[in-house]
């Protein structure tokens, strides 16, 4: 999935799903939409430090990278997550999940050894 950003008729950058979620505000928008669909106005209100046009640009990027859907609801525009686009991220992350399991196992062994040592020292 590629998104092309334009400024005054000039292509600035191609953007894929990974680049779209690399920006913290867009990840925050996705976090909000993971809880429930939201209107554009609700999303703007959730980011008081940003202007409405700035939030709209983030929503456009998420929409064009196919991470979110938008539907009209009267005069409002309502945004929701698109699970299919998130599946691309999940497939990529799956490659690295085995490392997380190994690291968590290492951490568990370390904590268990510290607990055993502390318990043995207290027993003295």
PDB file of N, CA and C in Angstrom:
ATOM      1  N   UNK A   1       0.834  -1.164   0.000  1.00  0.00           N
ATOM      2  CA  UNK A   1       0.000   0.000   0.000  1.00  0.00           C
ATOM      3  C   UNK A   1       0.885   1.236   0.000  1.00  0.00           C
ATOM      4  N   UNK A   2       0.706   2.080  -0.959  1.00  0.00           N
ATOM      5  CA  UNK A   2       1.514   3.288  -1.035  1.00  0.00           C
ATOM      6  C   UNK A   2       0.604   4.503  -1.066  1.00  0.00           C
ATOM      7  N   UNK A   3       1.029   5.519  -0.397  1.00  0.00           N
ATOM      8  CA  UNK A   3       0.355   6.803  -0.377  1.00  0.00           C
ATOM      9  C   UNK A   3       1.331   7.816  -0.927  1.00  0.00           C
ATOM     10  N   UNK A   4       0.864   8.693  -1.757  1.00  0.00           N
ATOM     11  CA  UNK A   4       1.732   9.743  -2.271  1.00  0.00           C
ATOM     12  C   UNK A   4       1.248  11.071  -1.708  1.00  0.00           C
ATOM     13  N   UNK A   5       2.143  11.786  -1.072  1.00  0.00           N
ATOM     14  CA  UNK A   5       1.824  13.102  -0.552  1.00  0.00           C
ATOM     15  C   UNK A   5       2.161  14.140  -1.612  1.00  0.00           C
ATOM     16  N   UNK A   6       1.279  15.091  -1.805  1.00  0.00           N
ATOM     17  CA  UNK A   6       1.481  16.129  -2.790  1.00  0.00           C
ATOM     18  C   UNK A   6       1.535  17.484  -2.096  1.00  0.00           C
ATOM     19  N   UNK A   7       2.373  18.347  -2.583  1.00  0.00           N
ATOM     20  CA  UNK A   7       2.382  19.738  -2.158  1.00  0.00           C
ATOM     21  C   UNK A   7       2.530  20.590  -3.403  1.00  0.00           C
ATOM     22  N   UNK A   8       1.528  21.387  -3.664  1.00  0.00           N
ATOM     23  CA  UNK A   8       1.515  22.253  -4.845  1.00  0.00           C
ATOM     24  C   UNK A   8       1.861  21.494  -6.118  1.00  0.00           C
ATOM     25  N   UNK A   9       1.245  20.305  -6.255  1.00  0.00           N
ATOM     26  CA  UNK A   9       1.411  19.534  -7.472  1.00  0.00           C
ATOM     27  C   UNK A   9       2.691  18.739  -7.574  1.00  0.00           C
ATOM     28  N   UNK A  10       3.521  18.740  -6.525  1.00  0.00           N
ATOM     29  CA  UNK A  10       4.784  18.022  -6.563  1.00  0.00           C
ATOM     30  C   UNK A  10       4.724  16.854  -5.585  1.00  0.00           C
ATOM     31  N   UNK A  11       5.141  15.674  -6.019  1.00  0.00           N
ATOM     32  CA  UNK A  11       5.174  14.527  -5.118  1.00  0.00           C
ATOM     33  C   UNK A  11       6.292  14.750  -4.114  1.00  0.00           C
ATOM     34  N   UNK A  12       5.946  14.678  -2.817  1.00  0.00           N
ATOM     35  CA  UNK A  12       6.942  14.873  -1.778  1.00  0.00           C
ATOM     36  C   UNK A  12       7.530  13.537  -1.364  1.00  0.00           C
ATOM     37  N   UNK A  13       6.704  12.610  -0.976  1.00  0.00           N
ATOM     38  CA  UNK A  13       7.166  11.318  -0.472  1.00  0.00           C
ATOM     39  C   UNK A  13       6.155  10.229  -0.779  1.00  0.00           C
ATOM     40  N   UNK A  14       6.615   9.041  -1.119  1.00  0.00           N
ATOM     41  CA  UNK A  14       5.682   7.921  -1.076  1.00  0.00           C
ATOM     42  C   UNK A  14       5.552   7.487   0.377  1.00  0.00           C
ATOM     43  N   UNK A  15       4.358   7.113   0.801  1.00  0.00           N
ATOM     44  CA  UNK A  15       4.180   6.710   2.188  1.00  0.00           C
ATOM     45  C   UNK A  15       3.441   5.383   2.241  1.00  0.00           C
ATOM     46  N   UNK A  16       3.973   4.442   3.003  1.00  0.00           N
ATOM     47  CA  UNK A  16       3.284   3.176   3.184  1.00  0.00           C
ATOM     48  C   UNK A  16       2.726   3.116   4.602  1.00  0.00           C
ATOM     49  N   UNK A  17       2.109   2.011   4.935  1.00  0.00           N
ATOM     50  CA  UNK A  17       1.486   1.824   6.246  1.00  0.00           C
ATOM     51  C   UNK A  17       2.496   2.048   7.367  1.00  0.00           C
ATOM     52  N   UNK A  18       3.705   1.569   7.189  1.00  0.00           N
ATOM     53  CA  UNK A  18       4.716   1.679   8.233  1.00  0.00           C
ATOM     54  C   UNK A  18       5.103   3.137   8.483  1.00  0.00           C
ATOM     55  N   UNK A  19       5.249   3.894   7.421  1.00  0.00           N
ATOM     56  CA  UNK A  19       5.562   5.312   7.582  1.00  0.00           C
ATOM     57  C   UNK A  19       4.383   6.057   8.202  1.00  0.00           C
ATOM     58  N   UNK A  20       3.175   5.671   7.838  1.00  0.00           N
ATOM     59  CA  UNK A  20       1.989   6.330   8.391  1.00  0.00           C
ATOM     60  C   UNK A  20       1.914   6.147   9.905  1.00  0.00           C
ATOM     61  N   UNK A  21       2.221   4.957  10.396  1.00  0.00           N
ATOM     62  CA  UNK A  21       2.123   4.719  11.847  1.00  0.00           C
ATOM     63  C   UNK A  21       3.384   5.133  12.592  1.00  0.00           C
ATOM     64  N   UNK A  22       4.402   5.544  11.882  1.00  0.00           N
ATOM     65  CA  UNK A  22       5.637   5.977  12.543  1.00  0.00           C
ATOM     66  C   UNK A  22       5.441   7.297  13.282  1.00  0.00           C
ATOM     67  N   UNK A  23       4.457   8.080  12.901  1.00  0.00           N
ATOM     68  CA  UNK A  23       4.231   9.391  13.509  1.00  0.00           C
ATOM     69  C   UNK A  23       3.371   9.244  14.767  1.00  0.00           C
ATOM     70  N   UNK A  24       3.813   9.760  15.912  1.00  0.00           N
ATOM     71  CA  UNK A  24       3.113   9.547  17.189  1.00  0.00           C
ATOM     72  C   UNK A  24       1.662  10.021  17.223  1.00  0.00           C
ATOM     73  N   UNK A  25       1.351  11.134  16.592  1.00  0.00           N
ATOM     74  CA  UNK A  25      -0.042  11.603  16.613  1.00  0.00           C
ATOM     75  C   UNK A  25      -0.940  10.632  15.872  1.00  0.00           C
ATOM     76  N   UNK A  26      -0.472  10.114  14.757  1.00  0.00           N
ATOM     77  CA  UNK A  26      -1.289   9.151  14.008  1.00  0.00           C
ATOM     78  C   UNK A  26      -1.477   7.869  14.799  1.00  0.00           C
ATOM     79  N   UNK A  27      -0.446   7.449  15.541  1.00  0.00           N
ATOM     80  CA  UNK A  27      -0.618   6.271  16.400  1.00  0.00           C
ATOM     81  C   UNK A  27      -1.661   6.555  17.476  1.00  0.00           C
ATOM     82  N   UNK A  28      -1.661   7.767  18.007  1.00  0.00           N
ATOM     83  CA  UNK A  28      -2.659   8.134  19.017  1.00  0.00           C
ATOM     84  C   UNK A  28      -4.070   8.119  18.426  1.00  0.00           C
ATOM     85  N   UNK A  29      -4.203   8.581  17.197  1.00  0.00           N
ATOM     86  CA  UNK A  29      -5.509   8.521  16.525  1.00  0.00           C
ATOM     87  C   UNK A  29      -5.946   7.065  16.391  1.00  0.00           C
ATOM     88  N   UNK A  30      -5.026   6.195  15.982  1.00  0.00           N
ATOM     89  CA  UNK A  30      -5.362   4.772  15.850  1.00  0.00           C
ATOM     90  C   UNK A  30      -5.761   4.185  17.201  1.00  0.00           C
ATOM     91  N   UNK A  31      -5.070   4.591  18.275  1.00  0.00           N
ATOM     92  CA  UNK A  31      -5.426   4.117  19.622  1.00  0.00           C
ATOM     93  C   UNK A  31      -6.862   4.505  19.966  1.00  0.00           C
ATOM     94  N   UNK A  32      -7.236   5.738  19.664  1.00  0.00           N
ATOM     95  CA  UNK A  32      -8.609   6.183  19.933  1.00  0.00           C
ATOM     96  C   UNK A  32      -9.621   5.392  19.114  1.00  0.00           C
ATOM     97  N   UNK A  33      -9.299   5.165  17.850  1.00  0.00           N
ATOM     98  CA  UNK A  33     -10.219   4.437  16.980  1.00  0.00           C
ATOM     99  C   UNK A  33     -10.285   2.957  17.320  1.00  0.00           C
ATOM    100  N   UNK A  34      -9.262   2.443  17.990  1.00  0.00           N
ATOM    101  CA  UNK A  34      -9.296   1.040  18.414  1.00  0.00           C
ATOM    102  C   UNK A  34     -10.370   0.838  19.492  1.00  0.00           C
ATOM    103  N   UNK A  35     -10.664   1.889  20.238  1.00  0.00           N
ATOM    104  CA  UNK A  35     -11.689   1.810  21.289  1.00  0.00           C
ATOM    105  C   UNK A  35     -13.087   1.939  20.702  1.00  0.00           C
ATOM    106  N   UNK A  36     -13.250   2.852  19.742  1.00  0.00           N
ATOM    107  CA  UNK A  36     -14.554   3.033  19.085  1.00  0.00           C
ATOM    108  C   UNK A  36     -14.393   4.001  17.923  1.00  0.00           C
ATOM    109  N   UNK A  37     -15.352   3.931  16.992  1.00  0.00           N
ATOM    110  CA  UNK A  37     -15.309   4.881  15.894  1.00  0.00           C
ATOM    111  C   UNK A  37     -15.583   6.277  16.448  1.00  0.00           C
ATOM    112  N   UNK A  38     -15.062   7.287  15.754  1.00  0.00           N
ATOM    113  CA  UNK A  38     -15.169   8.667  16.236  1.00  0.00           C
ATOM    114  C   UNK A  38     -15.404   9.615  15.070  1.00  0.00           C
ATOM    115  N   UNK A  39     -16.096  10.680  15.372  1.00  0.00           N
ATOM    116  CA  UNK A  39     -16.301  11.704  14.350  1.00  0.00           C
ATOM    117  C   UNK A  39     -15.022  12.529  14.224  1.00  0.00           C
ATOM    118  N   UNK A  40     -14.905  13.224  13.104  1.00  0.00           N
ATOM    119  CA  UNK A  40     -13.746  14.086  12.903  1.00  0.00           C
ATOM    120  C   UNK A  40     -13.668  15.127  14.017  1.00  0.00           C
ATOM    121  N   UNK A  41     -14.802  15.679  14.424  1.00  0.00           N
ATOM    122  CA  UNK A  41     -14.827  16.669  15.498  1.00  0.00           C
ATOM    123  C   UNK A  41     -14.327  16.119  16.818  1.00  0.00           C
ATOM    124  N   UNK A  42     -14.693  14.871  17.138  1.00  0.00           N
ATOM    125  CA  UNK A  42     -14.203  14.242  18.367  1.00  0.00           C
ATOM    126  C   UNK A  42     -12.694  14.053  18.313  1.00  0.00           C
ATOM    127  N   UNK A  43     -12.203  13.690  17.142  1.00  0.00           N
ATOM    128  CA  UNK A  43     -10.759  13.495  17.004  1.00  0.00           C
ATOM    129  C   UNK A  43     -10.013  14.816  17.116  1.00  0.00           C
ATOM    130  N   UNK A  44     -10.547  15.868  16.546  1.00  0.00           N
ATOM    131  CA  UNK A  44      -9.925  17.187  16.676  1.00  0.00           C
ATOM    132  C   UNK A  44      -9.905  17.593  18.149  1.00  0.00           C
ATOM    133  N   UNK A  45     -11.014  17.382  18.857  1.00  0.00           N
ATOM    134  CA  UNK A  45     -11.102  17.747  20.281  1.00  0.00           C
ATOM    135  C   UNK A  45     -10.121  16.946  21.132  1.00  0.00           C
ATOM    136  N   UNK A  46      -9.772  15.748  20.695  1.00  0.00           N
ATOM    137  CA  UNK A  46      -8.854  14.889  21.460  1.00  0.00           C
ATOM    138  C   UNK A  46      -7.413  15.390  21.394  1.00  0.00           C
ATOM    139  N   UNK A  47      -7.131  16.322  20.480  1.00  0.00           N
ATOM    140  CA  UNK A  47      -5.773  16.853  20.308  1.00  0.00           C
ATOM    141  C   UNK A  47      -5.805  18.380  20.405  1.00  0.00           C
ATOM    142  N   UNK A  48      -5.984  18.897  21.627  1.00  0.00           N
ATOM    143  CA  UNK A  48      -6.118  20.354  21.781  1.00  0.00           C
ATOM    144  C   UNK A  48      -4.876  21.137  21.352  1.00  0.00           C
ATOM    145  N   UNK A  49      -3.738  20.503  21.288  1.00  0.00           N
ATOM    146  CA  UNK A  49      -2.518  21.186  20.873  1.00  0.00           C
ATOM    147  C   UNK A  49      -2.363  21.296  19.365  1.00  0.00           C
ATOM    148  N   UNK A  50      -3.292  20.690  18.627  1.00  0.00           N
ATOM    149  CA  UNK A  50      -3.217  20.714  17.162  1.00  0.00           C
ATOM    150  C   UNK A  50      -4.390  21.485  16.591  1.00  0.00           C
ATOM    151  N   UNK A  51      -4.175  22.088  15.448  1.00  0.00           N
ATOM    152  CA  UNK A  51      -5.262  22.770  14.756  1.00  0.00           C
ATOM    153  C   UNK A  51      -6.129  21.745  14.027  1.00  0.00           C
ATOM    154  N   UNK A  52      -7.316  22.156  13.658  1.00  0.00           N
ATOM    155  CA  UNK A  52      -8.202  21.276  12.894  1.00  0.00           C
ATOM    156  C   UNK A  52      -7.559  20.861  11.567  1.00  0.00           C
ATOM    157  N   UNK A  53      -6.914  21.778  10.834  1.00  0.00           N
ATOM    158  CA  UNK A  53      -6.258  21.348   9.587  1.00  0.00           C
ATOM    159  C   UNK A  53      -5.141  20.324   9.815  1.00  0.00           C
ATOM    160  N   UNK A  54      -4.414  20.448  10.928  1.00  0.00           N
ATOM    161  CA  UNK A  54      -3.336  19.483  11.206  1.00  0.00           C
ATOM    162  C   UNK A  54      -3.925  18.099  11.464  1.00  0.00           C
ATOM    163  N   UNK A  55      -4.993  18.029  12.248  1.00  0.00           N
ATOM    164  CA  UNK A  55      -5.643  16.736  12.511  1.00  0.00           C
ATOM    165  C   UNK A  55      -6.212  16.182  11.205  1.00  0.00           C
ATOM    166  N   UNK A  56      -6.796  17.039  10.391  1.00  0.00           N
ATOM    167  CA  UNK A  56      -7.338  16.595   9.101  1.00  0.00           C
ATOM    168  C   UNK A  56      -6.255  15.996   8.211  1.00  0.00           C
ATOM    169  N   UNK A  57      -5.059  16.584   8.228  1.00  0.00           N
ATOM    170  CA  UNK A  57      -3.950  16.021   7.436  1.00  0.00           C
ATOM    171  C   UNK A  57      -3.580  14.622   7.941  1.00  0.00           C
ATOM    172  N   UNK A  58      -3.531  14.455   9.263  1.00  0.00           N
ATOM    173  CA  UNK A  58      -3.233  13.128   9.816  1.00  0.00           C
ATOM    174  C   UNK A  58      -4.315  12.129   9.409  1.00  0.00           C
ATOM    175  N   UNK A  59      -5.573  12.546   9.489  1.00  0.00           N
ATOM    176  CA  UNK A  59      -6.669  11.651   9.100  1.00  0.00           C
ATOM    177  C   UNK A  59      -6.599  11.303   7.618  1.00  0.00           C
ATOM    178  N   UNK A  60      -6.233  12.274   6.785  1.00  0.00           N
ATOM    179  CA  UNK A  60      -6.102  12.000   5.345  1.00  0.00           C
ATOM    180  C   UNK A  60      -5.009  10.960   5.093  1.00  0.00           C
ATOM    181  N   UNK A  61      -3.886  11.105   5.777  1.00  0.00           N
ATOM    182  CA  UNK A  61      -2.788  10.150   5.608  1.00  0.00           C
ATOM    183  C   UNK A  61      -3.222   8.759   6.045  1.00  0.00           C
ATOM    184  N   UNK A  62      -3.904   8.672   7.187  1.00  0.00           N
ATOM    185  CA  UNK A  62      -4.379   7.371   7.661  1.00  0.00           C
ATOM    186  C   UNK A  62      -5.406   6.781   6.694  1.00  0.00           C
ATOM    187  N   UNK A  63      -6.270   7.620   6.156  1.00  0.00           N
ATOM    188  CA  UNK A  63      -7.283   7.155   5.206  1.00  0.00           C
ATOM    189  C   UNK A  63      -6.627   6.687   3.906  1.00  0.00           C
ATOM    190  N   UNK A  64      -5.703   7.478   3.367  1.00  0.00           N
ATOM    191  CA  UNK A  64      -5.070   7.121   2.106  1.00  0.00           C
ATOM    192  C   UNK A  64      -4.120   5.940   2.238  1.00  0.00           C
ATOM    193  N   UNK A  65      -3.602   5.707   3.421  1.00  0.00           N
ATOM    194  CA  UNK A  65      -2.767   4.522   3.640  1.00  0.00           C
ATOM    195  C   UNK A  65      -3.634   3.323   4.019  1.00  0.00           C
ATOM    196  N   UNK A  66      -4.938   3.524   3.982  1.00  0.00           N
ATOM    197  CA  UNK A  66      -5.953   2.487   4.194  1.00  0.00           C
ATOM    198  C   UNK A  66      -5.959   1.916   5.609  1.00  0.00           C
ATOM    199  N   UNK A  67      -5.517   2.712   6.563  1.00  0.00           N
ATOM    200  CA  UNK A  67      -5.582   2.297   7.966  1.00  0.00           C
ATOM    201  C   UNK A  67      -6.919   2.635   8.600  1.00  0.00           C
ATOM    202  N   UNK A  68      -7.619   3.614   8.049  1.00  0.00           N
ATOM    203  CA  UNK A  68      -8.935   3.983   8.568  1.00  0.00           C
ATOM    204  C   UNK A  68      -9.922   4.130   7.421  1.00  0.00           C
ATOM    205  N   UNK A  69     -11.185   3.953   7.757  1.00  0.00           N
ATOM    206  CA  UNK A  69     -12.294   4.215   6.842  1.00  0.00           C
ATOM    207  C   UNK A  69     -13.013   5.450   7.335  1.00  0.00           C
ATOM    208  N   UNK A  70     -13.678   6.135   6.439  1.00  0.00           N
ATOM    209  CA  UNK A  70     -14.509   7.279   6.809  1.00  0.00           C
ATOM    210  C   UNK A  70     -15.859   7.112   6.125  1.00  0.00           C
ATOM    211  N   UNK A  71     -16.905   7.473   6.870  1.00  0.00           N
ATOM    212  CA  UNK A  71     -18.246   7.414   6.292  1.00  0.00           C
ATOM    213  C   UNK A  71     -19.010   8.666   6.711  1.00  0.00           C
ATOM    214  N   UNK A  72     -19.875   9.144   5.833  1.00  0.00           N
ATOM    215  CA  UNK A  72     -20.678  10.297   6.214  1.00  0.00           C
ATOM    216  C   UNK A  72     -21.796   9.864   7.162  1.00  0.00           C
ATOM    217  N   UNK A  73     -22.109  10.705   8.109  1.00  0.00           N
ATOM    218  CA  UNK A  73     -23.225  10.484   9.036  1.00  0.00           C
ATOM    219  C   UNK A  73     -23.896  11.838   9.223  1.00  0.00           C
ATOM    220  N   UNK A  74     -24.831  12.147   8.358  1.00  0.00           N
ATOM    221  CA  UNK A  74     -25.412  13.485   8.335  1.00  0.00           C
ATOM    222  C   UNK A  74     -24.346  14.464   7.892  1.00  0.00           C
ATOM    223  N   UNK A  75     -24.083  15.464   8.721  1.00  0.00           N
ATOM    224  CA  UNK A  75     -23.058  16.454   8.380  1.00  0.00           C
ATOM    225  C   UNK A  75     -21.693  16.073   8.931  1.00  0.00           C
ATOM    226  N   UNK A  76     -21.628  14.970   9.670  1.00  0.00           N
ATOM    227  CA  UNK A  76     -20.364  14.545  10.280  1.00  0.00           C
ATOM    228  C   UNK A  76     -19.667  13.521   9.396  1.00  0.00           C
ATOM    229  N   UNK A  77     -18.364  13.402   9.615  1.00  0.00           N
ATOM    230  CA  UNK A  77     -17.565  12.337   8.998  1.00  0.00           C
ATOM    231  C   UNK A  77     -17.089  11.454  10.145  1.00  0.00           C
ATOM    232  N   UNK A  78     -17.392  10.161  10.064  1.00  0.00           N
ATOM    233  CA  UNK A  78     -17.074   9.239  11.148  1.00  0.00           C
ATOM    234  C   UNK A  78     -15.956   8.304  10.696  1.00  0.00           C
ATOM    235  N   UNK A  79     -14.919   8.203  11.525  1.00  0.00           N
ATOM    236  CA  UNK A  79     -13.736   7.398  11.215  1.00  0.00           C
ATOM    237  C   UNK A  79     -13.742   6.109  12.025  1.00  0.00           C
ATOM    238  N   UNK A  80     -13.247   5.044  11.406  1.00  0.00           N
ATOM    239  CA  UNK A  80     -13.098   3.748  12.085  1.00  0.00           C
ATOM    240  C   UNK A  80     -11.848   3.056  11.544  1.00  0.00           C
ATOM    241  N   UNK A  81     -11.347   2.090  12.298  1.00  0.00           N
ATOM    242  CA  UNK A  81     -10.163   1.332  11.872  1.00  0.00           C
ATOM    243  C   UNK A  81     -10.493   0.400  10.725  1.00  0.00           C
ATOM    244  N   UNK A  82      -9.505   0.134   9.901  1.00  0.00           N
ATOM    245  CA  UNK A  82      -9.601  -0.888   8.855  1.00  0.00           C
ATOM    246  C   UNK A  82      -8.685  -2.034   9.255  1.00  0.00           C
ATOM    247  N   UNK A  83      -9.246  -3.106   9.779  1.00  0.00           N
ATOM    248  CA  UNK A  83      -8.414  -4.219  10.257  1.00  0.00           C
ATOM    249  C   UNK A  83      -7.507  -4.832   9.196  1.00  0.00           C
ATOM    250  N   UNK A  84      -7.912  -4.829   7.948  1.00  0.00           N
ATOM    251  CA  UNK A  84      -7.091  -5.458   6.897  1.00  0.00           C
ATOM    252  C   UNK A  84      -5.728  -4.786   6.773  1.00  0.00           C
ATOM    253  N   UNK A  85      -5.678  -3.468   6.871  1.00  0.00           N
ATOM    254  CA  UNK A  85      -4.397  -2.775   6.772  1.00  0.00           C
ATOM    255  C   UNK A  85      -3.531  -3.070   7.984  1.00  0.00           C
ATOM    256  N   UNK A  86      -4.151  -3.239   9.136  1.00  0.00           N
ATOM    257  CA  UNK A  86      -3.391  -3.566  10.333  1.00  0.00           C
ATOM    258  C   UNK A  86      -2.792  -4.963  10.233  1.00  0.00           C
ATOM    259  N   UNK A  87      -3.401  -5.819   9.434  1.00  0.00           N
ATOM    260  CA  UNK A  87      -2.875  -7.173   9.248  1.00  0.00           C
ATOM    261  C   UNK A  87      -1.483  -7.135   8.617  1.00  0.00           C
ATOM    262  N   UNK A  88      -1.228  -6.159   7.749  1.00  0.00           N
ATOM    263  CA  UNK A  88       0.111  -6.026   7.146  1.00  0.00           C
ATOM    264  C   UNK A  88       1.156  -5.756   8.228  1.00  0.00           C
ATOM    265  N   UNK A  89       0.815  -4.883   9.172  1.00  0.00           N
ATOM    266  CA  UNK A  89       1.716  -4.617  10.292  1.00  0.00           C
ATOM    267  C   UNK A  89       1.911  -5.869  11.143  1.00  0.00           C
ATOM    268  N   UNK A  90       0.820  -6.577  11.365  1.00  0.00           N
ATOM    269  CA  UNK A  90       0.889  -7.787  12.192  1.00  0.00           C
ATOM    270  C   UNK A  90       1.775  -8.848  11.550  1.00  0.00           C
ATOM    271  N   UNK A  91       1.664  -9.006  10.233  1.00  0.00           N
ATOM    272  CA  UNK A  91       2.525  -9.988   9.534  1.00  0.00           C
ATOM    273  C   UNK A  91       3.998  -9.628   9.698  1.00  0.00           C
ATOM    274  N   UNK A  92       4.306  -8.355   9.595  1.00  0.00           N
ATOM    275  CA  UNK A  92       5.697  -7.927   9.746  1.00  0.00           C
ATOM    276  C   UNK A  92       6.165  -8.164  11.181  1.00  0.00           C
ATOM    277  N   UNK A  93       5.354  -7.801  12.154  1.00  0.00           N
ATOM    278  CA  UNK A  93       5.726  -7.982  13.557  1.00  0.00           C
ATOM    279  C   UNK A  93       5.879  -9.450  13.931  1.00  0.00           C
ATOM    280  N   UNK A  94       5.141 -10.316  13.259  1.00  0.00           N
ATOM    281  CA  UNK A  94       5.195 -11.740  13.568  1.00  0.00           C
ATOM    282  C   UNK A  94       6.611 -12.295  13.444  1.00  0.00           C
ATOM    283  N   UNK A  95       7.390 -11.743  12.538  1.00  0.00           N
ATOM    284  CA  UNK A  95       8.781 -12.155  12.355  1.00  0.00           C
ATOM    285  C   UNK A  95       9.591 -11.965  13.637  1.00  0.00           C
ATOM    286  N   UNK A  96       9.222 -10.975  14.427  1.00  0.00           N
ATOM    287  CA  UNK A  96      10.010 -10.599  15.606  1.00  0.00           C
ATOM    288  C   UNK A  96       9.426 -11.091  16.923  1.00  0.00           C
ATOM    289  N   UNK A  97       8.255 -11.669  16.897  1.00  0.00           N
ATOM    290  CA  UNK A  97       7.615 -12.113  18.139  1.00  0.00           C
ATOM    291  C   UNK A  97       8.432 -13.168  18.874  1.00  0.00           C
ATOM    292  N   UNK A  98       9.137 -14.010  18.159  1.00  0.00           N
ATOM    293  CA  UNK A  98       9.925 -15.053  18.833  1.00  0.00           C
ATOM    294  C   UNK A  98      11.007 -14.440  19.713  1.00  0.00           C
ATOM    295  N   UNK A  99      11.540 -13.285  19.293  1.00  0.00           N
ATOM    296  CA  UNK A  99      12.545 -12.603  20.102  1.00  0.00           C
ATOM    297  C   UNK A  99      11.940 -12.087  21.401  1.00  0.00           C
ATOM    298  N   UNK A 100      10.687 -11.622  21.327  1.00  0.00           N
ATOM    299  CA  UNK A 100      10.027 -11.138  22.534  1.00  0.00           C
ATOM    300  C   UNK A 100       9.865 -12.270  23.529  1.00  0.00           C
ATOM    301  N   UNK A 101       9.446 -13.424  23.043  1.00  0.00           N
ATOM    302  CA  UNK A 101       9.260 -14.579  23.927  1.00  0.00           C
ATOM    303  C   UNK A 101      10.572 -14.980  24.588  1.00  0.00           C
ATOM    304  N   UNK A 102      11.646 -15.007  23.811  1.00  0.00           N
ATOM    305  CA  UNK A 102      12.955 -15.354  24.369  1.00  0.00           C
ATOM    306  C   UNK A 102      13.375 -14.333  25.420  1.00  0.00           C
ATOM    307  N   UNK A 103      13.170 -13.055  25.147  1.00  0.00           N
ATOM    308  CA  UNK A 103      13.557 -12.006  26.106  1.00  0.00           C
ATOM    309  C   UNK A 103      12.724 -12.088  27.372  1.00  0.00           C
ATOM    310  N   UNK A 104      11.450 -12.366  27.222  1.00  0.00           N
ATOM    311  CA  UNK A 104      10.592 -12.491  28.405  1.00  0.00           C
ATOM    312  C   UNK A 104      10.992 -13.716  29.230  1.00  0.00           C
ATOM    313  N   UNK A 105      11.363 -14.795  28.556  1.00  0.00           N
ATOM    314  CA  UNK A 105      11.843 -15.983  29.274  1.00  0.00           C
ATOM    315  C   UNK A 105      13.126 -15.661  30.036  1.00  0.00           C
ATOM    316  N   UNK A 106      14.043 -14.907  29.397  1.00  0.00           N
ATOM    317  CA  UNK A 106      15.278 -14.495  30.061  1.00  0.00           C
ATOM    318  C   UNK A 106      14.974 -13.635  31.286  1.00  0.00           C
ATOM    319  N   UNK A 107      14.053 -12.714  31.156  1.00  0.00           N
ATOM    320  CA  UNK A 107      13.675 -11.848  32.268  1.00  0.00           C
ATOM    321  C   UNK A 107      13.071 -12.673  33.402  1.00  0.00           C
ATOM    322  N   UNK A 108      12.217 -13.615  33.070  1.00  0.00           N
ATOM    323  CA  UNK A 108      11.610 -14.464  34.100  1.00  0.00           C
ATOM    324  C   UNK A 108      12.681 -15.255  34.854  1.00  0.00           C
ATOM    325  N   UNK A 109      13.638 -15.826  34.136  1.00  0.00           N
ATOM    326  CA  UNK A 109      14.711 -16.572  34.797  1.00  0.00           C
ATOM    327  C   UNK A 109      15.518 -15.660  35.707  1.00  0.00           C
ATOM    328  N   UNK A 110      15.833 -14.453  35.239  1.00  0.00           N
ATOM    329  CA  UNK A 110      16.591 -13.491  36.042  1.00  0.00           C
ATOM    330  C   UNK A 110      15.825 -13.124  37.318  1.00  0.00           C
ATOM    331  N   UNK A 111      14.564 -12.820  37.182  1.00  0.00           N
ATOM    332  CA  UNK A 111      13.763 -12.443  38.353  1.00  0.00           C
ATOM    333  C   UNK A 111      13.615 -13.608  39.323  1.00  0.00           C
ATOM    334  N   UNK A 112      13.443 -14.821  38.781  1.00  0.00           N
ATOM    335  CA  UNK A 112      13.355 -16.000  39.649  1.00  0.00           C
ATOM    336  C   UNK A 112      14.649 -16.206  40.427  1.00  0.00           C
ATOM    337  N   UNK A 113      15.799 -16.013  39.770  1.00  0.00           N
ATOM    338  CA  UNK A 113      17.078 -16.207  40.465  1.00  0.00           C
ATOM    339  C   UNK A 113      17.261 -15.150  41.547  1.00  0.00           C
ATOM    340  N   UNK A 114      16.827 -13.926  41.300  1.00  0.00           N
ATOM    341  CA  UNK A 114      16.926 -12.874  42.317  1.00  0.00           C
ATOM    342  C   UNK A 114      16.011 -13.173  43.497  1.00  0.00           C
ATOM    343  N   UNK A 115      14.827 -13.681  43.205  1.00  0.00           N
ATOM    344  CA  UNK A 115      13.878 -14.013  44.274  1.00  0.00           C
ATOM    345  C   UNK A 115      14.430 -15.140  45.133  1.00  0.00           C
ATOM    346  N   UNK A 116      15.016 -16.143  44.483  1.00  0.00           N
ATOM    347  CA  UNK A 116      15.591 -17.268  45.240  1.00  0.00           C
ATOM    348  C   UNK A 116      16.747 -16.779  46.109  1.00  0.00           C
ATOM    349  N   UNK A 117      17.618 -15.900  45.541  1.00  0.00           N
ATOM    350  CA  UNK A 117      18.747 -15.358  46.316  1.00  0.00           C
ATOM    351  C   UNK A 117      18.270 -14.538  47.503  1.00  0.00           C
ATOM    352  N   UNK A 118      17.285 -13.675  47.267  1.00  0.00           N
ATOM    353  CA  UNK A 118      16.771 -12.827  48.340  1.00  0.00           C
ATOM    354  C   UNK A 118      16.134 -13.677  49.423  1.00  0.00           C
ATOM    355  N   UNK A 119      15.381 -14.689  49.002  1.00  0.00           N
ATOM    356  CA  UNK A 119      14.754 -15.587  49.978  1.00  0.00           C
ATOM    357  C   UNK A 119      15.779 -16.347  50.799  1.00  0.00           C
ATOM    358  N   UNK A 120      16.862 -16.773  50.167  1.00  0.00           N
ATOM    359  CA  UNK A 120      17.914 -17.512  50.870  1.00  0.00           C
ATOM    360  C   UNK A 120      18.634 -16.580  51.854  1.00  0.00           C
ATOM    361  N   UNK A 121      18.847 -15.324  51.457  1.00  0.00           N
ATOM    362  CA  UNK A 121      19.528 -14.374  52.344  1.00  0.00           C
ATOM    363  C   UNK A 121      18.646 -14.038  53.541  1.00  0.00           C
ATOM    364  N   UNK A 122      17.358 -13.936  53.345  1.00  0.00           N
ATOM    365  CA  UNK A 122      16.444 -13.632  54.450  1.00  0.00           C
ATOM    366  C   UNK A 122      16.337 -14.791  55.417  1.00  0.00           C
ATOM    367  N   UNK A 123      16.505 -16.005  54.926  1.00  0.00           N
ATOM    368  CA  UNK A 123      16.400 -17.196  55.764  1.00  0.00           C
ATOM    369  C   UNK A 123      17.589 -17.323  56.707  1.00  0.00           C
ATOM    370  N   UNK A 124      18.694 -16.655  56.414  1.00  0.00           N
ATOM    371  CA  UNK A 124      19.909 -16.762  57.245  1.00  0.00           C
ATOM    372  C   UNK A 124      19.738 -16.084  58.546  1.00  0.00           C
TER     373      UNK A 124
END
